[in-house]
Amino acid sequence: MEREYINTETLATKTGIAASTWHKRRMTGDSPPFRKIGTRVIYRWSDVVAWLDAHEKRSTSDAA
């Protein structure tokens, strides 16, 4: 099974959420798991999907 790794800019494109938001989320710990290699940050796409699924809401009144 091939693992797809993406950078922050690709993550922003695929999710429609600005790269700057992902930078801020990494700093607060509210992001999918990531790997840092030197100064480069990468995400495994399957981890991103799992993280997004775990944050799924059914109503605007769902707990944050």
C-alpha atoms as a PDB file:
ATOM      1  CA  MET A   1       0.000   0.000   0.000  1.00  0.00           C
ATOM      2  CA  GLU A   2       1.477   3.314  -1.073  1.00  0.00           C
ATOM      3  CA  ARG A   3       1.357   6.163   1.430  1.00  0.00           C
ATOM      4  CA  GLU A   4       0.589   9.567   0.010  1.00  0.00           C
ATOM      5  CA  TYR A   5       2.357  12.440   1.761  1.00  0.00           C
ATOM      6  CA  ILE A   6       1.378  16.034   1.121  1.00  0.00           C
ATOM      7  CA  ASN A   7       2.731  19.396   2.199  1.00  0.00           C
ATOM      8  CA  THR A   8       0.764  22.217   3.817  1.00  0.00           C
ATOM      9  CA  GLU A   9       0.007  23.965   0.537  1.00  0.00           C
ATOM     10  CA  THR A  10      -1.461  20.793  -0.952  1.00  0.00           C
ATOM     11  CA  LEU A  11      -3.406  20.193   2.265  1.00  0.00           C
ATOM     12  CA  ALA A  12      -4.880  23.679   1.916  1.00  0.00           C
ATOM     13  CA  THR A  13      -5.839  23.042  -1.697  1.00  0.00           C
ATOM     14  CA  LYS A  14      -7.434  19.651  -0.971  1.00  0.00           C
ATOM     15  CA  THR A  15      -9.406  20.842   2.071  1.00  0.00           C
ATOM     16  CA  GLY A  16     -10.242  24.400   1.034  1.00  0.00           C
ATOM     17  CA  ILE A  17      -8.771  25.661   4.322  1.00  0.00           C
ATOM     18  CA  ALA A  18      -5.999  28.257   4.049  1.00  0.00           C
ATOM     19  CA  ALA A  19      -2.397  27.168   4.622  1.00  0.00           C
ATOM     20  CA  SER A  20      -2.088  29.891   7.275  1.00  0.00           C
ATOM     21  CA  THR A  21      -4.932  28.247   9.200  1.00  0.00           C
ATOM     22  CA  TRP A  22      -3.118  24.908   9.102  1.00  0.00           C
ATOM     23  CA  HIS A  23       0.068  26.631  10.360  1.00  0.00           C
ATOM     24  CA  LYS A  24      -1.889  28.062  13.302  1.00  0.00           C
ATOM     25  CA  ARG A  25      -3.593  24.723  14.008  1.00  0.00           C
ATOM     26  CA  ARG A  26      -0.204  22.978  14.174  1.00  0.00           C
ATOM     27  CA  MET A  27       0.945  25.500  16.769  1.00  0.00           C
ATOM     28  CA  THR A  28      -2.128  24.886  18.949  1.00  0.00           C
ATOM     29  CA  GLY A  29      -2.114  21.114  18.491  1.00  0.00           C
ATOM     30  CA  ASP A  30      -5.427  21.154  16.618  1.00  0.00           C
ATOM     31  CA  SER A  31      -4.279  19.526  13.399  1.00  0.00           C
ATOM     32  CA  PRO A  32      -3.874  16.111  11.860  1.00  0.00           C
ATOM     33  CA  PRO A  33      -0.654  14.301  12.776  1.00  0.00           C
ATOM     34  CA  PHE A  34       2.292  15.609  10.791  1.00  0.00           C
ATOM     35  CA  ARG A  35       5.950  14.895  10.280  1.00  0.00           C
ATOM     36  CA  LYS A  36       8.676  17.491  10.269  1.00  0.00           C
ATOM     37  CA  ILE A  37      11.796  16.778   8.283  1.00  0.00           C
ATOM     38  CA  GLY A  38      14.203  19.647   8.705  1.00  0.00           C
ATOM     39  CA  THR A  39      12.006  22.663   8.026  1.00  0.00           C
ATOM     40  CA  ARG A  40       9.573  20.734   5.818  1.00  0.00           C
ATOM     41  CA  VAL A  41       6.191  19.703   7.201  1.00  0.00           C
ATOM     42  CA  ILE A  42       4.325  16.817   5.594  1.00  0.00           C
ATOM     43  CA  TYR A  43       1.075  15.017   6.323  1.00  0.00           C
ATOM     44  CA  ARG A  44       0.067  11.465   5.439  1.00  0.00           C
ATOM     45  CA  TRP A  45      -3.214  11.879   3.543  1.00  0.00           C
ATOM     46  CA  SER A  46      -4.821   8.889   5.311  1.00  0.00           C
ATOM     47  CA  ASP A  47      -4.088  10.594   8.677  1.00  0.00           C
ATOM     48  CA  VAL A  48      -5.739  13.783   7.418  1.00  0.00           C
ATOM     49  CA  VAL A  49      -8.857  11.894   6.341  1.00  0.00           C
ATOM     50  CA  ALA A  50      -9.053  10.090   9.703  1.00  0.00           C
ATOM     51  CA  TRP A  51      -8.630  13.399  11.567  1.00  0.00           C
ATOM     52  CA  LEU A  52     -11.339  15.075   9.491  1.00  0.00           C
ATOM     53  CA  ASP A  53     -13.688  12.120  10.044  1.00  0.00           C
ATOM     54  CA  ALA A  54     -13.100  12.329  13.808  1.00  0.00           C
ATOM     55  CA  HIS A  55     -14.113  16.003  13.740  1.00  0.00           C
ATOM     56  CA  GLU A  56     -17.351  15.437  11.859  1.00  0.00           C
ATOM     57  CA  LYS A  57     -20.396  17.199  13.338  1.00  0.00           C
ATOM     58  CA  ARG A  58     -24.093  16.579  12.756  1.00  0.00           C
ATOM     59  CA  SER A  59     -25.373  19.860  14.140  1.00  0.00           C
ATOM     60  CA  THR A  60     -24.121  23.363  14.876  1.00  0.00           C
ATOM     61  CA  SER A  61     -24.970  22.683  18.522  1.00  0.00           C
ATOM     62  CA  ASP A  62     -22.537  19.732  18.710  1.00  0.00           C
ATOM     63  CA  ALA A  63     -19.731  20.290  21.199  1.00  0.00           C
ATOM     64  CA  ALA A  64     -16.644  21.868  19.662  1.00  0.00           C
END
